[in-house]
């Protein structure tokens, strides 16, 4: 007997603990096990609190949560339209290869189309060849010649205060 098809649903505040567990599992997979600073309450507030701009999906199969995605809407001045940015997509390793990741990606593409988005974008670690292969097979292409820049922590606070 084969497993049921993956089911995608909007996450709720009651999923904050589950999302924290999945975010932590993603960090371990991405070789950054100590990188998660957000608490369960931080996720609950930032994803479900008043004024939240980020959204989460949960992927379930046979009643078990096997993956998640977090996304938000950005904007393209060149297109004059919103875009959908996929912050994280993760399927537990033991559930990969059975359509859960594809179901999450397709669901997000459907949201982008329904909202009139001009783009659906995300970043992938250079070494994550399984993810690169997965996204290429889905029809996505890398944006060559673009480099992500980031300011965070003390550097961000210093710069905002006029320092360098």
Protein backbone atom coordinates (compact mmCIF):
# COMPACT_ATOMS: atom_id res chain seq x y z
CA UNK A 1 0.00 0.00 0.00
CA UNK A 2 1.50 3.36 -1.01
CA UNK A 3 1.47 6.51 1.08
CA UNK A 4 -1.17 9.15 0.55
CA UNK A 5 -0.29 12.18 -1.55
CA UNK A 6 1.30 15.02 0.42
CA UNK A 7 -1.15 17.61 1.73
CA UNK A 8 -0.15 21.28 1.99
CA UNK A 9 -1.84 23.57 4.51
CA UNK A 10 -1.30 27.04 5.90
CA UNK A 11 0.52 26.89 9.22
CA UNK A 12 -1.25 28.19 12.32
CA UNK A 13 0.07 29.59 15.61
CA UNK A 14 -0.36 26.08 17.06
CA UNK A 15 2.36 24.93 14.63
CA UNK A 16 5.07 27.16 16.13
CA UNK A 17 6.73 24.29 18.02
CA UNK A 18 6.62 22.05 14.92
CA UNK A 19 8.04 24.83 12.74
CA UNK A 20 10.85 25.39 15.23
CA UNK A 21 11.68 21.69 15.09
CA UNK A 22 11.71 21.73 11.29
CA UNK A 23 13.76 24.95 11.12
CA UNK A 24 16.28 23.34 13.45
CA UNK A 25 16.38 20.21 11.28
CA UNK A 26 16.99 22.42 8.24
CA UNK A 27 19.87 24.15 10.03
CA UNK A 28 21.44 20.78 10.83
CA UNK A 29 21.05 19.72 7.18
CA UNK A 30 22.65 22.99 6.04
CA UNK A 31 25.64 22.33 8.31
CA UNK A 32 24.74 25.17 10.68
CA UNK A 33 23.33 23.32 13.72
CA UNK A 34 23.87 26.29 16.07
CA UNK A 35 22.56 28.96 13.71
CA UNK A 36 18.93 28.95 14.86
CA UNK A 37 18.54 31.80 17.34
CA UNK A 38 14.75 32.08 17.07
CA UNK A 39 12.71 30.56 19.88
CA UNK A 40 9.31 28.95 19.45
CA UNK A 41 7.78 32.21 20.69
CA UNK A 42 9.87 34.24 18.23
CA UNK A 43 8.47 32.16 15.36
CA UNK A 44 4.94 32.40 16.72
CA UNK A 45 5.20 36.20 16.94
CA UNK A 46 6.98 36.77 13.62
CA UNK A 47 4.87 34.38 11.55
CA UNK A 48 1.46 34.84 13.16
CA UNK A 49 1.56 38.10 15.09
CA UNK A 50 -0.07 41.36 14.14
CA UNK A 51 1.64 42.89 11.12
CA UNK A 52 3.45 39.69 10.19
CA UNK A 53 4.73 39.73 6.62
CA UNK A 54 6.04 36.16 6.48
CA UNK A 55 3.90 33.07 5.98
CA UNK A 56 4.41 29.35 6.55
CA UNK A 57 3.10 26.16 5.01
CA UNK A 58 3.16 22.67 6.50
CA UNK A 59 3.39 19.56 4.36
CA UNK A 60 1.74 16.45 5.80
CA UNK A 61 1.57 12.89 4.62
CA UNK A 62 -0.61 10.28 6.28
CA UNK A 63 -1.26 12.79 9.07
CA UNK A 64 2.45 13.32 9.83
CA UNK A 65 4.20 16.66 9.31
CA UNK A 66 7.10 15.94 6.96
CA UNK A 67 8.10 19.38 5.72
CA UNK A 68 7.52 23.10 5.63
CA UNK A 69 8.06 26.26 3.65
CA UNK A 70 8.34 29.89 4.74
CA UNK A 71 7.77 32.68 2.23
CA UNK A 72 7.01 36.37 1.89
CA UNK A 73 6.12 38.81 -0.84
CA UNK A 74 8.75 41.19 -2.19
CA UNK A 75 8.61 43.76 -4.97
CA UNK A 76 10.25 44.28 -8.36
CA UNK A 77 10.54 47.86 -9.58
CA UNK A 78 11.42 46.58 -13.04
CA UNK A 79 8.20 44.60 -13.26
CA UNK A 80 6.09 46.93 -11.15
CA UNK A 81 4.69 43.84 -9.42
CA UNK A 82 5.11 41.80 -6.31
CA UNK A 83 7.14 38.62 -6.28
CA UNK A 84 7.05 35.63 -3.98
CA UNK A 85 10.30 34.88 -2.18
CA UNK A 86 10.80 31.41 -0.75
CA UNK A 87 12.87 31.77 2.41
CA UNK A 88 13.01 28.08 3.35
CA UNK A 89 11.76 24.79 1.98
CA UNK A 90 12.58 21.60 3.85
CA UNK A 91 11.40 18.01 3.73
CA UNK A 92 12.65 15.55 6.31
CA UNK A 93 15.34 13.38 4.65
CA UNK A 94 13.46 10.14 5.20
CA UNK A 95 10.46 11.54 3.27
CA UNK A 96 12.32 12.89 0.26
CA UNK A 97 11.81 11.53 -3.22
CA UNK A 98 8.06 11.00 -2.85
CA UNK A 99 6.70 14.34 -4.06
CA UNK A 100 6.52 16.41 -0.87
CA UNK A 101 9.08 19.03 -1.97
CA UNK A 102 7.50 19.26 -5.40
CA UNK A 103 4.05 19.66 -3.81
CA UNK A 104 5.33 22.53 -1.65
CA UNK A 105 7.05 24.20 -4.60
CA UNK A 106 3.99 23.82 -6.84
CA UNK A 107 1.70 25.17 -4.10
CA UNK A 108 3.92 28.24 -3.76
CA UNK A 109 3.99 28.73 -7.54
CA UNK A 110 0.19 28.59 -7.48
CA UNK A 111 0.11 31.28 -4.77
CA UNK A 112 2.45 33.45 -6.85
CA UNK A 113 0.25 33.08 -9.93
CA UNK A 114 -2.96 33.69 -7.96
CA UNK A 115 -1.49 36.87 -6.44
CA UNK A 116 -0.28 38.17 -9.81
CA UNK A 117 3.38 37.91 -8.88
CA UNK A 118 5.91 38.50 -11.61
CA UNK A 119 8.56 36.28 -10.01
CA UNK A 120 9.07 33.34 -7.70
CA UNK A 121 12.61 33.33 -6.31
CA UNK A 122 14.81 31.71 -3.69
CA UNK A 123 18.45 31.12 -2.81
CA UNK A 124 20.28 27.79 -2.71
CA UNK A 125 23.58 27.00 -1.04
CA UNK A 126 26.28 26.38 -3.65
CA UNK A 127 27.15 22.96 -2.23
CA UNK A 128 23.56 21.68 -2.03
CA UNK A 129 23.60 19.75 -5.31
CA UNK A 130 20.48 17.68 -4.50
CA UNK A 131 18.48 20.91 -4.08
CA UNK A 132 20.03 22.45 -7.19
CA UNK A 133 19.13 19.37 -9.21
CA UNK A 134 15.61 19.35 -7.75
CA UNK A 135 14.99 23.01 -8.63
CA UNK A 136 16.47 22.65 -12.13
CA UNK A 137 14.23 19.62 -12.76
CA UNK A 138 11.25 21.78 -11.78
CA UNK A 139 12.25 24.34 -14.43
CA UNK A 140 14.02 26.95 -12.27
CA UNK A 141 17.29 28.50 -13.42
CA UNK A 142 20.07 30.14 -11.40
CA UNK A 143 20.57 33.89 -11.54
CA UNK A 144 24.21 34.08 -12.62
CA UNK A 145 26.13 37.30 -11.97
CA UNK A 146 24.17 38.11 -8.78
CA UNK A 147 25.68 37.94 -5.30
CA UNK A 148 23.69 38.14 -2.09
CA UNK A 149 24.85 40.76 0.41
CA UNK A 150 23.91 40.79 4.06
CA UNK A 151 24.21 43.02 7.11
CA UNK A 152 23.27 41.60 10.47
CA UNK A 153 23.89 41.83 14.19
CA UNK A 154 26.31 44.45 15.43
CA UNK A 155 27.42 45.43 11.93
CA UNK A 156 23.80 46.30 11.08
CA UNK A 157 23.30 48.25 14.32
CA UNK A 158 26.58 50.12 13.85
CA UNK A 159 25.80 51.04 10.26
CA UNK A 160 22.28 52.21 11.15
CA UNK A 161 23.76 54.42 13.85
CA UNK A 162 26.05 56.11 11.32
CA UNK A 163 29.14 53.99 11.88
CA UNK A 164 30.93 51.83 9.46
